[in-house]
Structures are given as structure tokens and as C-alpha cells.
C-alpha atoms as a PDB file:
ATOM      1  CA  MET A   1       6.937 117.514 -32.099  1.00  0.00           C
ATOM      2  CA  VAL A   2       4.181 115.190 -30.911  1.00  0.00           C
ATOM      3  CA  PRO A   3       4.994 111.609 -31.985  1.00  0.00           C
ATOM      4  CA  PHE A   4       1.380 110.730 -32.803  1.00  0.00           C
ATOM      5  CA  GLU A   5      -1.552 111.735 -34.964  1.00  0.00           C
ATOM      6  CA  LEU A   6      -5.262 111.322 -34.421  1.00  0.00           C
ATOM      7  CA  ILE A   7      -6.914 108.390 -36.192  1.00  0.00           C
ATOM      8  CA  THR A   8     -10.432 108.612 -34.761  1.00  0.00           C
ATOM      9  CA  ALA A   9     -12.352 109.755 -31.694  1.00  0.00           C
ATOM     10  CA  LYS A  10     -15.846 109.099 -30.419  1.00  0.00           C
ATOM     11  CA  TRP A  11     -17.811 110.983 -27.768  1.00  0.00           C
ATOM     12  CA  GLY A  12     -19.603 108.928 -25.131  1.00  0.00           C
ATOM     13  CA  GLU A  13     -23.003 109.581 -23.633  1.00  0.00           C
ATOM     14  CA  MET A  14     -24.825 108.496 -20.507  1.00  0.00           C
ATOM     15  CA  GLU A  15     -28.290 108.844 -19.103  1.00  0.00           C
ATOM     16  CA  LEU A  16     -28.597 109.319 -15.338  1.00  0.00           C
ATOM     17  CA  SER A  17     -31.376 108.300 -12.965  1.00  0.00           C
ATOM     18  CA  ASP A  18     -32.277 111.977 -12.396  1.00  0.00           C
ATOM     19  CA  GLY A  19     -33.020 112.400 -16.132  1.00  0.00           C
ATOM     20  CA  THR A  20     -29.768 114.241 -16.876  1.00  0.00           C
ATOM     21  CA  ILE A  21     -27.792 113.478 -20.047  1.00  0.00           C
ATOM     22  CA  VAL A  22     -23.989 113.699 -19.898  1.00  0.00           C
ATOM     23  CA  ARG A  23     -21.799 113.724 -23.026  1.00  0.00           C
ATOM     24  CA  PHE A  24     -18.107 113.087 -22.475  1.00  0.00           C
ATOM     25  CA  ARG A  25     -14.832 112.606 -24.286  1.00  0.00           C
ATOM     26  CA  VAL A  26     -11.260 111.499 -23.771  1.00  0.00           C
ATOM     27  CA  ALA A  27      -8.111 112.813 -25.411  1.00  0.00           C
ATOM     28  CA  LEU A  28      -4.675 111.226 -25.441  1.00  0.00           C
ATOM     29  CA  VAL A  29      -2.297 114.018 -24.430  1.00  0.00           C
ATOM     30  CA  ASP A  30       0.979 112.089 -24.347  1.00  0.00           C
ATOM     31  CA  ALA A  31       2.264 108.533 -24.893  1.00  0.00           C
ATOM     32  CA  ILE A  32       5.679 107.465 -23.658  1.00  0.00           C
ATOM     33  CA  PRO A  33       7.236 104.026 -24.220  1.00  0.00           C
ATOM     34  CA  SER A  34       8.142 102.586 -20.814  1.00  0.00           C
ATOM     35  CA  GLU A  35       9.346  99.058 -21.624  1.00  0.00           C
ATOM     36  CA  GLU A  36      10.293  97.606 -24.983  1.00  0.00           C
ATOM     37  CA  THR A  37      10.226  93.865 -24.283  1.00  0.00           C
ATOM     38  CA  THR A  38       6.925  92.561 -22.906  1.00  0.00           C
ATOM     39  CA  PRO A  39       4.398  89.964 -24.064  1.00  0.00           C
ATOM     40  CA  PHE A  40       2.496  92.873 -25.642  1.00  0.00           C
ATOM     41  CA  GLY A  41       5.490  94.478 -27.344  1.00  0.00           C
ATOM     42  CA  THR A  42       6.328  97.972 -26.190  1.00  0.00           C
ATOM     43  CA  GLU A  43       4.511  99.126 -23.055  1.00  0.00           C
ATOM     44  CA  PHE A  44       3.193 102.696 -23.023  1.00  0.00           C
ATOM     45  CA  GLU A  45       2.493 105.148 -20.240  1.00  0.00           C
ATOM     46  CA  VAL A  46      -0.114 107.696 -21.286  1.00  0.00           C
ATOM     47  CA  ASN A  47      -1.521 110.982 -20.079  1.00  0.00           C
ATOM     48  CA  ILE A  48      -5.172 111.582 -20.873  1.00  0.00           C
ATOM     49  CA  ALA A  49      -7.619 114.452 -20.491  1.00  0.00           C
ATOM     50  CA  THR A  50     -11.368 114.039 -20.029  1.00  0.00           C
ATOM     51  CA  GLY A  51     -14.273 116.436 -20.186  1.00  0.00           C
ATOM     52  CA  ILE A  52     -18.038 116.435 -19.824  1.00  0.00           C
ATOM     53  CA  SER A  53     -20.978 118.409 -21.161  1.00  0.00           C
ATOM     54  CA  VAL A  54     -24.102 118.191 -18.990  1.00  0.00           C
ATOM     55  CA  THR A  55     -27.714 118.670 -20.037  1.00  0.00           C
ATOM     56  CA  PRO A  56     -29.461 118.593 -16.660  1.00  0.00           C
ATOM     57  CA  SER A  57     -33.070 117.554 -16.353  1.00  0.00           C
ATOM     58  CA  PRO A  58     -35.611 120.240 -15.355  1.00  0.00           C
ATOM     59  CA  GLU A  59     -35.961 118.445 -11.997  1.00  0.00           C
ATOM     60  CA  SER A  60     -32.213 118.712 -11.349  1.00  0.00           C
ATOM     61  CA  ILE A  61     -32.240 122.436 -12.123  1.00  0.00           C
ATOM     62  CA  GLU A  62     -35.239 122.911  -9.830  1.00  0.00           C
ATOM     63  CA  GLU A  63     -33.355 121.085  -7.055  1.00  0.00           C
ATOM     64  CA  VAL A  64     -30.651 123.806  -6.934  1.00  0.00           C
ATOM     65  CA  LYS A  65     -32.576 126.906  -8.068  1.00  0.00           C
ATOM     66  CA  ASP A  66     -32.423 128.593  -4.643  1.00  0.00           C
ATOM     67  CA  LYS A  67     -28.850 127.504  -3.821  1.00  0.00           C
ATOM     68  CA  GLN A  68     -25.832 129.801  -3.864  1.00  0.00           C
ATOM     69  CA  ILE A  69     -23.397 129.777  -6.775  1.00  0.00           C
ATOM     70  CA  ILE A  70     -20.181 127.842  -6.175  1.00  0.00           C
ATOM     71  CA  PRO A  71     -17.479 130.405  -5.352  1.00  0.00           C
ATOM     72  CA  SER A  72     -14.913 130.577  -8.154  1.00  0.00           C
ATOM     73  CA  GLY A  73     -11.799 128.501  -7.494  1.00  0.00           C
ATOM     74  CA  SER A  74     -13.201 126.800  -4.404  1.00  0.00           C
ATOM     75  CA  SER A  75     -13.713 123.104  -3.817  1.00  0.00           C
ATOM     76  CA  VAL A  76     -16.962 121.743  -2.465  1.00  0.00           C
ATOM     77  CA  GLU A  77     -16.751 119.112   0.255  1.00  0.00           C
ATOM     78  CA  ASP A  78     -20.371 118.522   1.241  1.00  0.00           C
ATOM     79  CA  GLY A  79     -23.734 118.336  -0.499  1.00  0.00           C
ATOM     80  CA  TRP A  80     -22.772 115.435  -2.786  1.00  0.00           C
ATOM     81  CA  LYS A  81     -25.376 112.888  -3.827  1.00  0.00           C
ATOM     82  CA  GLN A  82     -24.591 109.818  -5.923  1.00  0.00           C
ATOM     83  CA  VAL A  83     -26.657 109.456  -9.109  1.00  0.00           C
ATOM     84  CA  LYS A  84     -27.133 106.101 -10.834  1.00  0.00           C
ATOM     85  CA  ILE A  85     -26.042 105.583 -14.406  1.00  0.00           C
ATOM     86  CA  ILE A  86     -29.041 104.126 -16.289  1.00  0.00           C
ATOM     87  CA  LYS A  87     -27.223 103.525 -19.584  1.00  0.00           C
ATOM     88  CA  SER A  88     -23.953 104.614 -21.095  1.00  0.00           C
ATOM     89  CA  ASP A  89     -21.820 104.381 -24.190  1.00  0.00           C
ATOM     90  CA  SER A  90     -18.032 104.678 -23.758  1.00  0.00           C
ATOM     91  CA  ALA A  91     -15.851 107.362 -25.359  1.00  0.00           C
ATOM     92  CA  TYR A  92     -12.538 106.614 -27.054  1.00  0.00           C
ATOM     93  CA  GLU A  93      -9.676 108.113 -28.997  1.00  0.00           C
ATOM     94  CA  GLU A  94      -7.217 106.284 -31.254  1.00  0.00           C
ATOM     95  CA  VAL A  95      -3.864 107.664 -32.374  1.00  0.00           C
ATOM     96  CA  ARG A  96      -1.014 106.483 -34.579  1.00  0.00           C
ATOM     97  CA  TYR A  97       2.223 106.589 -32.570  1.00  0.00           C
ATOM     98  CA  SER A  98       5.473 106.783 -34.607  1.00  0.00           C
ATOM     99  CA  ASN A  99       9.011 106.174 -33.390  1.00  0.00           C
ATOM    100  CA  ASP A 100      12.057 105.576 -35.650  1.00  0.00           C
ATOM    101  CA  LYS A 101      13.374 102.815 -33.381  1.00  0.00           C
ATOM    102  CA  LEU A 102      10.102 101.162 -32.281  1.00  0.00           C
ATOM    103  CA  GLY A 103       7.969 101.606 -35.399  1.00  0.00           C
ATOM    104  CA  GLU A 104       4.301 102.542 -35.562  1.00  0.00           C
ATOM    105  CA  TYR A 105       1.572 101.587 -33.119  1.00  0.00           C
ATOM    106  CA  LYS A 106      -2.138 102.266 -32.938  1.00  0.00           C
ATOM    107  CA  ILE A 107      -2.895 103.326 -29.353  1.00  0.00           C
ATOM    108  CA  ARG A 108      -6.486 103.426 -28.134  1.00  0.00           C
ATOM    109  CA  VAL A 109      -7.687 104.917 -24.862  1.00  0.00           C
ATOM    110  CA  GLU A 110     -11.294 104.328 -23.866  1.00  0.00           C
ATOM    111  CA  ILE A 111     -13.157 105.619 -20.835  1.00  0.00           C
ATOM    112  CA  GLU A 112     -16.195 104.052 -19.256  1.00  0.00           C
ATOM    113  CA  PRO A 113     -18.119 105.977 -16.595  1.00  0.00           C
ATOM    114  CA  ALA A 114     -18.181 104.081 -13.275  1.00  0.00           C
ATOM    115  CA  MET A 115     -19.898 106.497 -10.869  1.00  0.00           C
ATOM    116  CA  VAL A 116     -21.512 109.944 -10.941  1.00  0.00           C
ATOM    117  CA  SER A 117     -22.254 112.404  -8.144  1.00  0.00           C
ATOM    118  CA  LYS A 118     -23.965 115.783  -8.196  1.00  0.00           C
ATOM    119  CA  ASN A 119     -23.836 118.564  -5.694  1.00  0.00           C
ATOM    120  CA  THR A 120     -27.214 119.755  -4.397  1.00  0.00           C
ATOM    121  CA  LYS A 121     -25.881 122.364  -1.948  1.00  0.00           C
ATOM    122  CA  PHE A 122     -24.522 124.728  -4.626  1.00  0.00           C
ATOM    123  CA  LYS A 123     -25.199 125.545  -8.268  1.00  0.00           C
ATOM    124  CA  THR A 124     -22.942 126.544 -11.143  1.00  0.00           C
ATOM    125  CA  ALA A 125     -22.934 130.050 -12.637  1.00  0.00           C
ATOM    126  CA  LYS A 126     -25.340 128.643 -15.274  1.00  0.00           C
ATOM    127  CA  GLY A 127     -27.797 127.705 -12.490  1.00  0.00           C
ATOM    128  CA  GLU A 128     -27.164 123.972 -12.824  1.00  0.00           C
ATOM    129  CA  PRO A 129     -26.025 121.287 -10.387  1.00  0.00           C
ATOM    130  CA  LEU A 130     -22.323 120.416 -10.442  1.00  0.00           C
ATOM    131  CA  TYR A 131     -21.690 116.860 -11.688  1.00  0.00           C
ATOM    132  CA  VAL A 132     -18.519 114.811 -11.173  1.00  0.00           C
ATOM    133  CA  VAL A 133     -17.729 111.526 -12.961  1.00  0.00           C
ATOM    134  CA  LYS A 134     -15.345 108.718 -11.946  1.00  0.00           C
ATOM    135  CA  TRP A 135     -13.898 106.876 -14.967  1.00  0.00           C
ATOM    136  CA  ILE A 136     -12.486 103.461 -15.753  1.00  0.00           C
ATOM    137  CA  PRO A 137      -9.777 104.061 -18.381  1.00  0.00           C
ATOM    138  CA  LYS A 138      -8.805 101.225 -20.748  1.00  0.00           C
ATOM    139  CA  LEU A 139      -5.575 101.351 -22.720  1.00  0.00           C
ATOM    140  CA  MET A 140      -4.855  99.128 -25.738  1.00  0.00           C
ATOM    141  CA  TRP A 141      -2.280  99.185 -28.525  1.00  0.00           C
ATOM    142  CA  GLU A 142      -1.274  97.200 -31.567  1.00  0.00           C
ATOM    143  CA  LYS A 143       1.894  97.286 -33.644  1.00  0.00           C
ATOM    144  CA  LEU A 144       1.326  98.569 -37.190  1.00  0.00           C
ATOM    145  CA  SER A 145       4.912  98.505 -38.563  1.00  0.00           C
ATOM    146  CA  SER A 146       8.449  97.834 -37.378  1.00  0.00           C
ATOM    147  CA  GLY A 147      11.147 100.408 -36.720  1.00  0.00           C
ATOM    148  CA  GLU A 148      14.874 100.073 -37.431  1.00  0.00           C
ATOM    149  CA  GLU A 149      15.285  97.209 -34.932  1.00  0.00           C
ATOM    150  CA  THR A 150      13.150  94.253 -35.996  1.00  0.00           C
END
């Protein structure tokens, strides 16, 4: 049984200098208490998952129209070009974590895009450039109620 339930989640969005729009999200996959006595109460280690949905600009699609499709299961080492983030809005997810001993906590994980690159040597099966995002994850929590040891 997963010891938490979803409270709320919000997709993020960013606009890139090449005119592409990227929507993204974060999901808290697991939260494990790592220390019980800290200035912030219980410390948590978390596992998160992220994903993106890209709406490339017509210019970006044109840039790779004559390129070969990325071979399935292969990694691409060259052809990367950094793209500036013009504006962005972070994504987050909040969960209620419950533990009989520790009580209830609201845990929030937020991701902020830091850098974006696109590959101009290959294209995806959809005929689009491949985009990769580097994130800055932020983790916060607050105690909602006490467990058996108060």
C-alpha cells in the first residue's frame, strides 16, 4: 500500500527561444522517511518521475525535416544545441503522507526547468526534433497531524 494520496498537481509550461512550447509535469513516486529528528521534523527521501509534451514551432520541424529518424533504443551523442528558455511556469505535485508513528505530512515536489537542448541531427518518429530538459527539483513538507509519538 502506498502511504500517500494525491492532494493536487499542476502542469508547468515553458516557451523556448525557437518558438517551441513545452508542457511538463512531475509525479511523486515514493516518499521514505530518512531521519525523524531534524529542525524540519522528519526528513524525507523521494523518488520522482517527470515528463514533457512538446509542441515544436514550424521552424524547428523544418530544421529536422530531412534528417534521419532516431534509431529505436539508441542514445544520441552529437547534434545537440542549447535552446534558451524565454519564460516558464513550474510544475508541482502535493501529496498527503500518512504514517502511524510519524503522523501526516503534506509533501510538495516542484520542478523548475533550468536548461533545454534539442537535437538537430536526428528527428523523432513524429518528424520533430528531440528535446531534453534539465530540472531543478524543490522538495518541501509540512506536518499536518501527529502520530502515536508526540
